[in-house]
Protein backbone atom coordinates (compact mmCIF):
# COMPACT_ATOMS: atom_id res chain seq x y z
CA MET A 1 -87.06 -144.61 82.66
CA SER A 2 -85.76 -141.76 84.88
CA LYS A 3 -88.17 -140.38 87.58
CA LEU A 4 -87.09 -136.72 86.99
CA ASP A 5 -87.01 -134.76 83.85
CA PRO A 6 -83.57 -133.08 83.25
CA ARG A 7 -82.90 -129.88 85.14
CA PRO A 8 -83.90 -126.90 82.98
CA ASN A 9 -81.41 -124.44 81.88
CA SER A 10 -82.61 -121.51 83.94
CA LYS A 11 -80.79 -118.84 81.62
CA PRO A 12 -80.69 -118.62 78.02
CA LEU A 13 -77.49 -118.84 76.11
CA TYR A 14 -75.96 -115.63 74.43
CA SER A 15 -76.00 -115.32 70.76
CA TRP A 16 -73.52 -114.14 68.04
CA GLN A 17 -75.11 -110.56 68.64
CA GLU A 18 -74.12 -110.61 72.40
CA LEU A 19 -70.88 -112.11 71.98
CA ASN A 20 -70.14 -109.14 69.24
CA GLU A 21 -71.38 -106.39 71.89
CA TYR A 22 -69.46 -107.74 74.51
CA LEU A 23 -66.23 -107.87 72.66
CA GLN A 24 -66.93 -104.44 71.08
CA LEU A 25 -67.46 -103.09 74.53
CA ASN A 26 -64.37 -104.38 75.97
CA PHE A 27 -61.94 -103.71 73.28
CA LYS A 28 -63.24 -100.09 72.87
CA ALA A 29 -62.58 -99.41 76.52
CA PRO A 30 -59.31 -97.50 77.02
CA GLY A 31 -56.38 -99.81 77.92
CA ASN A 32 -58.46 -103.03 77.61
CA LEU A 33 -56.24 -105.33 75.27
CA GLU A 34 -57.86 -108.57 76.14
CA THR A 35 -61.03 -110.27 77.28
CA THR A 36 -62.26 -113.78 78.30
CA ILE A 37 -65.52 -115.62 77.77
CA ASP A 38 -66.72 -119.07 79.17
CA VAL A 39 -68.05 -120.69 75.95
CA ARG A 40 -70.69 -122.70 77.90
CA ASN A 41 -72.52 -119.38 78.14
CA TYR A 42 -73.16 -119.41 74.16
CA SER A 43 -75.10 -121.18 71.96
CA MET A 44 -72.20 -121.50 69.41
CA SER A 45 -69.65 -124.15 69.58
CA LYS A 46 -66.18 -123.28 70.78
CA ASP A 47 -64.85 -123.96 67.12
CA GLU A 48 -67.32 -121.77 65.62
CA ILE A 49 -66.58 -118.93 67.92
CA ILE A 50 -62.84 -119.40 67.21
CA HIS A 51 -63.27 -119.61 63.42
CA GLU A 52 -65.40 -116.62 63.24
CA ALA A 53 -63.35 -114.42 65.49
CA GLU A 54 -60.23 -115.32 63.75
CA LYS A 55 -61.62 -114.45 60.32
CA GLN A 56 -62.51 -111.10 62.02
CA GLY A 57 -59.04 -110.23 63.17
CA TYR A 58 -58.96 -111.47 66.76
CA LYS A 59 -56.24 -113.63 68.13
CA VAL A 60 -57.98 -116.51 70.24
CA TYR A 61 -56.28 -118.64 72.94
CA GLU A 62 -57.86 -121.42 74.83
CA LYS A 63 -57.15 -120.93 78.59
CA GLY A 64 -59.02 -123.99 79.65
CA GLU A 65 -61.48 -126.31 78.71
CA HIS A 66 -64.27 -123.78 78.42
CA GLN A 67 -62.39 -120.40 78.43
CA LEU A 68 -61.56 -118.41 75.34
CA GLU A 69 -59.13 -115.50 75.64
CA PHE A 70 -59.45 -112.79 72.84
CA LYS A 71 -56.60 -110.52 72.01
């Protein structure tokens, strides 16, 4: 038995709504053609995010283990 409880997550994870707002804000900015997120900050899995984004017309690239680039 552990002597300590697991370290609590001090910040809540982002939802679909926050991801949508972030993408909309970035792609509506003049000259901005891409943006990157860290999937560890979201409550959805990487695969869920990729599937939904591609369904909505985004091109999604894995830039690293936890990084997704949207174009």
